[in-house]
Protein backbone atom coordinates (compact mmCIF):
# COMPACT_ATOMS: atom_id res chain seq x y z
CA MET A 1 -9.61 -7.54 25.86
CA THR A 2 -10.27 -4.11 27.39
CA SER A 3 -11.00 -1.06 25.27
CA ALA A 4 -8.47 1.80 25.40
CA LYS A 5 -9.63 5.40 25.74
CA LEU A 6 -9.57 7.37 22.49
CA PHE A 7 -7.63 10.60 22.29
CA PRO A 8 -9.24 13.80 20.96
CA ARG A 9 -8.97 14.09 17.16
CA ALA A 10 -8.61 10.29 16.85
CA TRP A 11 -11.24 9.96 14.13
CA LEU A 12 -10.53 13.40 12.61
CA VAL A 13 -6.97 12.27 11.92
CA VAL A 14 -8.26 9.11 10.25
CA GLY A 15 -10.57 11.21 8.07
CA LEU A 16 -7.82 13.62 7.05
CA LEU A 17 -5.45 10.79 6.24
CA TRP A 18 -8.14 8.95 4.28
CA PHE A 19 -7.98 11.55 1.51
CA VAL A 20 -4.18 11.82 1.71
CA GLY A 21 -3.99 8.05 1.22
CA LEU A 22 -6.36 8.33 -1.75
CA LEU A 23 -4.09 10.87 -3.43
CA ASN A 24 -1.00 8.84 -2.54
CA TYR A 25 -2.09 5.81 -4.52
CA LEU A 26 -4.01 7.59 -7.26
CA ASP A 27 -0.92 9.60 -8.17
CA ARG A 28 1.32 6.54 -8.29
CA VAL A 29 -1.06 4.07 -9.96
CA MET A 30 -2.72 6.06 -12.74
CA LEU A 31 0.33 5.76 -14.99
CA THR A 32 -0.22 2.00 -15.29
CA THR A 33 -3.68 2.55 -16.83
CA MET A 34 -2.58 4.88 -19.66
CA ARG A 35 -0.04 2.65 -21.42
CA GLY A 36 -1.45 3.17 -24.93
CA SER A 37 -1.53 6.96 -24.77
CA LEU A 38 1.85 7.13 -23.07
CA VAL A 39 3.60 4.84 -25.55
CA GLU A 40 2.06 6.77 -28.44
CA ALA A 41 3.42 10.07 -27.07
CA ILE A 42 6.75 8.72 -25.77
CA PRO A 43 7.74 5.46 -27.57
CA MET A 44 9.00 2.67 -25.27
CA THR A 45 9.12 -1.13 -25.01
CA ASP A 46 7.03 -3.15 -22.57
CA ALA A 47 10.09 -3.60 -20.37
CA GLN A 48 10.64 0.18 -20.36
CA PHE A 49 6.99 0.76 -19.50
CA GLY A 50 7.30 -1.71 -16.63
CA LEU A 51 10.49 0.06 -15.52
CA LEU A 52 8.51 3.29 -14.95
CA THR A 53 6.68 1.60 -12.09
CA SER A 54 9.67 -0.48 -11.04
CA VAL A 55 11.99 2.50 -10.59
CA PHE A 56 9.37 4.18 -8.43
CA LEU A 57 9.11 1.07 -6.28
CA TRP A 58 12.86 0.55 -6.01
CA VAL A 59 13.52 4.13 -4.91
CA TYR A 60 10.49 4.01 -2.62
CA ALA A 61 11.73 0.74 -1.16
CA ALA A 62 15.31 1.92 -0.63
CA LEU A 63 14.19 5.01 1.31
CA SER A 64 11.33 3.41 3.28
CA PRO A 65 13.32 2.27 6.37
CA PHE A 66 14.89 5.70 6.79
CA ALA A 67 11.54 7.38 6.07
CA GLY A 68 9.93 5.30 8.81
CA PHE A 69 12.75 6.25 11.17
CA LEU A 70 12.06 9.96 10.53
CA ALA A 71 8.45 9.40 11.62
CA ASP A 72 9.65 7.67 14.83
CA ARG A 73 12.32 10.29 15.50
CA PHE A 74 10.39 13.48 14.75
CA SER A 75 6.79 14.71 14.44
CA ARG A 76 4.71 12.27 12.43
CA THR A 77 2.42 15.10 11.31
CA LYS A 78 5.26 17.19 9.91
CA VAL A 79 6.63 14.20 8.01
CA ILE A 80 3.20 13.61 6.46
CA VAL A 81 2.70 17.26 5.45
CA VAL A 82 6.13 17.54 3.80
CA SER A 83 5.62 14.23 1.99
CA LEU A 84 2.17 15.22 0.66
CA LEU A 85 3.36 18.58 -0.62
CA SER A 86 6.48 17.13 -2.23
CA TRP A 87 4.83 14.29 -4.14
CA SER A 88 2.00 16.58 -5.30
CA VAL A 89 4.55 18.96 -6.83
CA VAL A 90 6.30 16.01 -8.52
CA THR A 91 2.94 14.74 -9.84
CA TRP A 92 2.27 18.17 -11.37
CA LEU A 93 5.76 18.27 -12.91
CA THR A 94 5.29 14.80 -14.46
CA GLY A 95 2.78 16.27 -16.91
CA PHE A 96 5.59 18.37 -18.45
CA ALA A 97 7.81 15.37 -19.33
CA THR A 98 8.56 15.06 -23.07
CA THR A 99 11.15 12.25 -23.15
CA TYR A 100 11.42 8.80 -21.60
CA GLY A 101 14.37 9.95 -19.49
CA GLU A 102 12.39 12.83 -18.04
CA LEU A 103 9.45 10.55 -17.32
CA LEU A 104 11.73 8.02 -15.60
CA ALA A 105 13.29 10.80 -13.51
CA THR A 106 9.90 12.03 -12.28
CA ARG A 107 8.94 8.48 -11.31
CA ALA A 108 12.12 8.16 -9.27
CA LEU A 109 11.36 11.50 -7.59
CA MET A 110 7.85 10.24 -6.86
CA GLY A 111 9.43 7.32 -5.01
CA VAL A 112 11.55 9.71 -2.93
CA THR A 113 8.63 11.97 -1.98
CA GLU A 114 6.02 9.28 -1.29
CA ALA A 115 8.27 7.03 0.80
CA CYS A 116 7.71 8.99 4.00
CA TYR A 117 3.92 8.92 3.99
CA ILE A 118 2.69 5.38 4.73
CA PRO A 119 4.92 4.56 7.75
CA ALA A 120 4.17 7.93 9.35
CA ALA A 121 0.41 7.74 8.67
CA LEU A 122 -0.08 4.19 9.97
CA ALA A 123 2.05 4.91 13.04
CA LEU A 124 0.08 8.10 13.76
CA ILE A 125 -3.18 6.16 13.61
CA THR A 126 -1.85 3.57 16.05
CA ASP A 127 -0.82 6.41 18.38
CA TYR A 128 -4.43 7.55 18.48
CA HIS A 129 -6.11 4.10 18.42
CA ARG A 130 -4.75 1.65 21.02
CA GLY A 131 -7.54 -0.86 21.62
CA ASP A 132 -10.45 -2.39 19.77
CA THR A 133 -10.70 0.48 17.26
CA ARG A 134 -7.22 -0.01 15.80
CA SER A 135 -7.99 -2.35 12.91
CA ARG A 136 -11.10 -0.38 11.93
CA ALA A 137 -9.15 2.88 11.98
CA GLU A 138 -6.38 1.37 9.86
CA GLY A 139 -8.98 -0.21 7.59
CA ILE A 140 -10.80 3.09 7.02
CA HIS A 141 -7.52 4.81 6.18
CA ILE A 142 -6.51 2.04 3.82
CA SER A 143 -9.94 2.17 2.17
CA GLY A 144 -8.88 5.62 0.96
CA ILE A 145 -5.78 4.02 -0.52
CA MET A 146 -7.95 1.38 -2.17
CA LEU A 147 -10.25 4.01 -3.61
CA GLY A 148 -7.25 5.94 -4.87
CA SER A 149 -5.99 2.80 -6.62
CA GLY A 150 -9.43 2.27 -8.13
CA LEU A 151 -9.67 5.86 -9.28
CA GLY A 152 -6.28 5.38 -10.89
CA GLY A 153 -8.33 4.01 -13.77
CA LEU A 154 -9.41 7.58 -14.40
CA GLY A 155 -5.88 8.18 -15.58
CA GLY A 156 -6.49 5.88 -18.54
CA TRP A 157 -9.82 7.54 -19.30
CA ILE A 158 -8.43 11.09 -19.09
CA ALA A 159 -5.42 10.08 -21.21
CA GLN A 160 -7.67 8.53 -23.84
CA HIS A 161 -9.87 11.62 -24.14
CA TYR A 162 -7.65 14.58 -23.24
CA GLY A 163 -4.03 13.42 -23.34
CA TRP A 164 -1.90 11.66 -20.76
CA ALA A 165 -0.41 14.81 -19.16
CA HIS A 166 -3.76 16.27 -18.05
CA ALA A 167 -4.30 13.75 -15.23
CA PHE A 168 -0.95 14.54 -13.63
CA THR A 169 -1.59 18.27 -13.78
CA ILE A 170 -5.06 18.02 -12.22
CA PHE A 171 -4.23 15.70 -9.34
CA GLY A 172 -0.92 17.39 -8.60
CA LEU A 173 -2.70 20.71 -8.03
CA VAL A 174 -5.38 19.03 -5.88
CA GLY A 175 -2.68 17.60 -3.61
CA ILE A 176 -0.91 20.95 -3.27
CA GLY A 177 -4.17 22.56 -2.15
CA TYR A 178 -5.06 19.79 0.30
CA THR A 179 -1.66 20.13 2.00
CA VAL A 180 -2.86 23.41 3.52
CA ILE A 181 -5.90 21.73 5.12
CA VAL A 182 -3.83 18.89 6.59
CA ALA A 183 -1.24 21.29 8.01
CA LEU A 184 -3.93 23.36 9.73
CA LEU A 185 -6.01 20.53 11.25
CA MET A 186 -3.76 17.56 12.03
CA ARG A 187 -1.72 17.14 15.22
CA ASP A 188 0.46 14.42 16.77
CA ALA A 189 -0.82 12.20 19.60
CA PRO A 190 1.20 11.13 22.67
CA ARG A 191 3.19 7.99 21.94
CA GLU A 192 2.96 4.92 24.12
CA HIS A 193 6.48 5.27 25.50
CA VAL A 194 6.13 9.01 26.16
CA SER A 195 4.53 10.48 29.28
CA GLY A 196 3.49 14.08 29.70
CA PRO A 197 3.12 16.64 26.91
CA ILE A 198 3.41 15.75 23.25
CA VAL A 199 6.93 16.15 21.96
CA THR A 200 8.22 16.58 18.41
CA ARG A 201 11.74 15.27 18.93
CA LEU A 202 12.57 12.02 20.66
CA PRO A 203 16.29 11.83 21.52
CA ASP A 204 16.11 8.19 22.59
CA ILE A 205 15.31 7.00 19.04
CA ARG A 206 18.35 5.85 17.07
CA PHE A 207 18.34 4.21 13.64
CA GLY A 208 20.90 1.56 14.54
CA ALA A 209 19.05 0.63 17.72
CA ALA A 210 15.78 0.39 15.79
CA ILE A 211 17.26 -1.91 13.13
CA THR A 212 18.91 -4.08 15.80
CA SER A 213 15.66 -4.38 17.73
CA LEU A 214 13.74 -5.38 14.61
CA PHE A 215 16.18 -7.90 13.16
CA THR A 216 16.80 -9.70 16.44
CA ASN A 217 13.05 -10.37 16.58
CA SER A 218 12.05 -13.67 14.93
CA ALA A 219 8.39 -12.65 14.65
CA PHE A 220 9.37 -9.48 12.76
CA ILE A 221 11.57 -11.44 10.35
CA LEU A 222 8.63 -13.74 9.59
CA ALA A 223 6.42 -10.68 9.08
CA LEU A 224 9.04 -9.32 6.68
CA ALA A 225 8.93 -12.49 4.55
CA TYR A 226 5.13 -12.44 4.69
CA TRP A 227 4.84 -8.82 3.57
CA GLY A 228 7.45 -9.30 0.84
CA LEU A 229 5.53 -12.15 -0.78
CA LEU A 230 2.33 -10.14 -0.56
CA GLY A 231 4.10 -7.30 -2.34
CA LEU A 232 5.15 -9.65 -5.13
CA ALA A 233 1.59 -10.82 -5.72
CA GLY A 234 -0.11 -7.48 -5.19
CA TRP A 235 2.11 -5.38 -7.43
CA ALA A 236 2.14 -7.99 -10.20
CA VAL A 237 -1.67 -7.82 -10.28
CA LEU A 238 -1.81 -4.04 -9.99
CA GLY A 239 0.89 -3.39 -12.57
CA TRP A 240 -0.18 -5.79 -15.31
CA MET A 241 -3.88 -6.55 -14.84
CA PRO A 242 -5.02 -3.58 -17.03
CA THR A 243 -2.86 -4.91 -19.88
CA TYR A 244 -4.17 -8.45 -19.31
CA MET A 245 -7.78 -7.25 -19.51
CA THR A 246 -7.08 -5.29 -22.69
CA GLU A 247 -5.46 -8.18 -24.50
CA ASN A 248 -7.66 -11.06 -23.32
CA PHE A 249 -11.06 -9.41 -23.58
CA ASN A 250 -10.50 -6.87 -26.39
CA LEU A 251 -11.35 -3.90 -24.18
CA SER A 252 -10.39 -0.29 -24.83
CA GLN A 253 -7.68 1.26 -22.70
CA GLY A 254 -10.22 3.16 -20.59
CA ALA A 255 -12.55 0.19 -20.15
CA ALA A 256 -9.69 -2.14 -19.25
CA GLY A 257 -8.28 0.33 -16.74
CA LEU A 258 -11.63 0.72 -15.02
CA SER A 259 -12.32 -3.04 -15.12
CA ALA A 260 -8.91 -4.05 -13.79
CA THR A 261 -8.55 -1.36 -11.15
CA GLY A 262 -12.13 -0.22 -10.61
CA TYR A 263 -13.78 -3.54 -9.75
CA LEU A 264 -10.70 -4.80 -7.95
CA GLN A 265 -10.19 -1.73 -5.81
CA ALA A 266 -13.92 -1.33 -5.10
CA SER A 267 -14.01 -4.87 -3.70
CA MET A 268 -10.78 -4.27 -1.75
CA LEU A 269 -12.31 -1.11 -0.31
CA VAL A 270 -15.20 -3.17 1.05
CA GLY A 271 -12.86 -5.95 2.16
CA VAL A 272 -10.54 -3.71 4.14
CA LEU A 273 -13.49 -2.29 6.08
CA VAL A 274 -15.01 -5.73 6.68
CA GLY A 275 -11.62 -7.13 7.70
CA GLY A 276 -11.06 -4.31 10.16
CA PHE A 277 -14.53 -4.67 11.66
CA LEU A 278 -14.26 -8.46 12.03
CA SER A 279 -10.81 -8.24 13.55
CA ASP A 280 -11.76 -5.58 16.14
CA ARG A 281 -14.97 -7.40 17.04
CA TRP A 282 -13.15 -10.70 17.49
CA TYR A 283 -10.28 -8.95 19.32
CA ARG A 284 -12.59 -8.34 22.30
CA THR A 285 -12.42 -12.08 23.06
CA ASN A 286 -9.25 -13.18 21.22
CA SER A 287 -6.14 -11.05 20.72
CA ASN A 288 -5.04 -13.34 17.86
CA SER A 289 -7.95 -12.13 15.71
CA ARG A 290 -5.57 -9.83 13.84
CA ILE A 291 -3.78 -12.93 12.58
CA TYR A 292 -6.79 -15.22 12.07
CA VAL A 293 -8.81 -12.75 9.97
CA PRO A 294 -6.13 -12.21 7.28
CA PHE A 295 -5.33 -15.95 7.32
CA ILE A 296 -8.94 -16.71 6.40
CA GLY A 297 -8.86 -13.97 3.77
CA LEU A 298 -5.77 -15.33 2.04
CA CYS A 299 -7.17 -18.85 1.92
CA LEU A 300 -10.22 -17.48 0.08
CA ALA A 301 -8.25 -15.11 -2.18
CA VAL A 302 -6.24 -17.86 -3.90
CA PRO A 303 -9.10 -19.67 -5.70
CA SER A 304 -10.65 -16.32 -6.61
CA MET A 305 -7.50 -15.15 -8.37
CA LEU A 306 -7.09 -18.47 -10.18
CA MET A 307 -10.67 -18.16 -11.41
CA ALA A 308 -10.04 -14.61 -12.68
CA VAL A 309 -7.08 -15.57 -14.88
CA ASN A 310 -8.32 -18.94 -16.18
CA THR A 311 -11.53 -18.02 -17.97
CA PRO A 312 -12.43 -16.60 -21.41
CA VAL A 313 -15.59 -15.01 -19.98
CA LEU A 314 -15.24 -11.39 -18.90
CA ALA A 315 -18.01 -11.58 -16.27
CA ILE A 316 -16.33 -14.58 -14.59
CA ALA A 317 -12.95 -12.83 -14.64
CA ILE A 318 -14.45 -9.77 -12.99
CA ALA A 319 -16.19 -11.96 -10.41
CA GLY A 320 -12.85 -13.59 -9.62
CA LEU A 321 -11.18 -10.21 -9.27
CA VAL A 322 -13.95 -9.05 -6.94
CA GLY A 323 -13.58 -12.17 -4.79
CA TYR A 324 -9.81 -11.78 -4.70
CA GLY A 325 -10.00 -8.11 -3.79
CA LEU A 326 -12.63 -8.62 -1.09
CA THR A 327 -10.73 -11.33 0.79
CA ARG A 328 -7.13 -10.28 0.05
CA ALA A 329 -7.94 -6.90 1.66
CA PHE A 330 -8.40 -8.54 5.09
CA VAL A 331 -4.60 -8.45 5.20
CA ASP A 332 -4.27 -4.69 4.85
CA SER A 333 -6.41 -3.56 7.78
CA ASN A 334 -4.47 -5.90 10.08
CA MET A 335 -0.84 -5.50 9.03
CA MET A 336 0.00 -2.55 11.26
CA PRO A 337 -1.89 -4.10 14.20
CA ILE A 338 0.18 -7.28 13.70
CA LEU A 339 3.34 -5.19 13.61
CA CYS A 340 2.27 -3.57 16.89
CA MET A 341 2.05 -7.06 18.41
CA VAL A 342 5.66 -7.91 17.60
CA THR A 343 7.70 -4.68 17.77
CA ASP A 344 8.85 -2.16 20.35
CA PRO A 345 6.39 0.77 20.26
CA ARG A 346 9.29 3.18 19.67
CA TYR A 347 10.14 1.60 16.32
CA ARG A 348 6.79 0.97 14.65
CA ALA A 349 7.18 3.44 11.79
CA THR A 350 10.74 2.21 11.19
CA GLY A 351 9.44 -1.36 11.23
CA TYR A 352 6.78 -0.56 8.67
CA GLY A 353 9.41 1.22 6.58
CA VAL A 354 11.49 -1.95 6.56
CA LEU A 355 8.42 -3.95 5.55
CA ASN A 356 7.80 -1.48 2.74
CA PHE A 357 11.42 -1.82 1.65
CA CYS A 358 10.95 -5.55 1.25
CA ALA A 359 7.45 -5.51 -0.29
CA THR A 360 7.96 -2.72 -2.79
CA GLY A 361 11.45 -3.84 -3.75
CA ILE A 362 10.15 -7.30 -4.57
CA GLY A 363 7.06 -5.77 -6.19
CA GLY A 364 9.20 -3.59 -8.42
CA CYS A 365 11.15 -6.64 -9.54
CA ALA A 366 7.88 -8.48 -10.21
CA ILE A 367 6.57 -5.71 -12.49
CA TYR A 368 9.84 -5.33 -14.39
CA ILE A 369 10.25 -9.10 -14.81
CA GLY A 370 6.64 -9.25 -15.97
CA GLY A 371 7.48 -6.79 -18.75
CA ALA A 372 10.61 -8.72 -19.68
CA LEU A 373 8.63 -11.99 -19.76
CA ARG A 374 6.04 -10.35 -22.01
CA ASP A 375 8.83 -9.27 -24.37
CA ALA A 376 9.81 -12.98 -24.37
CA ASN A 377 6.17 -13.92 -25.24
CA VAL A 378 5.34 -15.44 -21.86
CA ALA A 379 1.60 -15.18 -21.10
CA LEU A 380 0.57 -12.86 -18.28
CA GLY A 381 -1.84 -15.52 -17.00
CA LYS A 382 1.11 -17.68 -15.92
CA ILE A 383 2.54 -14.79 -13.90
CA PHE A 384 -0.78 -14.31 -12.12
CA VAL A 385 -1.01 -18.02 -11.29
CA PHE A 386 2.40 -17.85 -9.61
CA ALA A 387 1.29 -14.75 -7.72
CA ALA A 388 -1.84 -16.51 -6.48
CA LEU A 389 0.07 -19.53 -5.25
CA SER A 390 2.49 -17.30 -3.33
CA LEU A 391 -0.49 -16.22 -1.21
CA LEU A 392 -0.71 -19.77 0.17
CA VAL A 393 2.82 -19.41 1.47
CA CYS A 394 1.77 -16.12 3.09
CA ALA A 395 -1.05 -17.90 4.93
CA GLY A 396 1.47 -20.35 6.35
CA LEU A 397 3.75 -17.52 7.42
CA LEU A 398 0.88 -15.97 9.39
CA LEU A 399 0.61 -19.11 11.49
CA ALA A 400 4.37 -19.02 12.02
CA ILE A 401 4.11 -15.40 13.22
CA LYS A 402 1.42 -16.43 15.70
CA ALA A 403 3.67 -19.16 17.08
CA ALA A 404 6.61 -16.75 17.36
CA ILE A 405 4.47 -14.21 19.23
CA LYS A 406 3.29 -16.91 21.64
CA ASN A 407 6.90 -17.75 22.46
CA LYS A 408 7.92 -14.10 22.86
CA PRO A 409 7.17 -12.91 26.41
CA GLU A 410 7.91 -9.25 25.63
CA ALA A 411 5.41 -9.07 22.74
CA HIS A 412 3.36 -5.88 22.61
CA PRO A 413 -0.38 -6.68 22.23
CA LEU A 414 -1.33 -3.03 21.83
């Protein structure tokens, strides 16, 4: 495959978005690592605690297709800036909640404000990176997300030592300040279907046309099922692994949060970079590399997860989590490149928004059902085993996507 010329600011945009992605996931995840402190301050059941993450995901999911459409229809940069500022303000306000209802409301608002970011950011990166740098660029950006998820464990530590509200105040103010830097330095790139100067409004983009284009595409429908199952497994692990580590290995809240999210996200950070590098390197000789690399990763992630949740030895559990994170992350650096292979370039952000709708909606259900099952005395280990096995189905769906692309003459390899 030939290498496409990079636009100016291509790597600067990746760097700016790396830190935005870090804040995006840190702000949303840290609540899951401070359960003890939060329940002590604002009493709630396990199902109610799970609902705090579920309501975020459901709102986030419901708005994601429209949020992606906004990024296709208007300036991707402006969508990102408004989203960053809005969720940072909501994060700051969360620290002032005193009742469960107020806390639930701020989580719903977090879903509204964060929904616009990921589709716009990934689409902007693909605008700048159109050849054998695409998976690496996406991987570097997503490594910021992984680091943010890992640093979410700081929420548990800060809550344990200083009170749960402090973390939201600190990181909310950091995001508000960083918005200024992003607004000053980041710009849109020309889109693949646009010739001439960069434009900020594209009158040929319509929501109905985008949805029709996506859902008459068999490869996209397979990708939707694939991403939905990944969301089920990923959010079940992210939402309940800190609690699992606390209860099964008698760890403190802070130690469990750092073990469950720190080791996992550190390994995923490495994995997303390795997956992006391998995919781009292989892409030079085989355009299907962006399917083969995550397929291999999923096949290795399943036994690693099963090892993590079927041992009484903490070191073995952590080793399993590291193996799972390292290989499962091959998926993340290649999802947007796969989407670019199967969708019209005009509708990429909308397409990713639809994928997010499916993945986070299912993920929200998984976390809430996990809390309900815990209230019914069902072991978390059984939930994680089901999540691991669902990854095998995802591997099969990848092969089905490859076959659908092969039979689709209008597929878009870039």
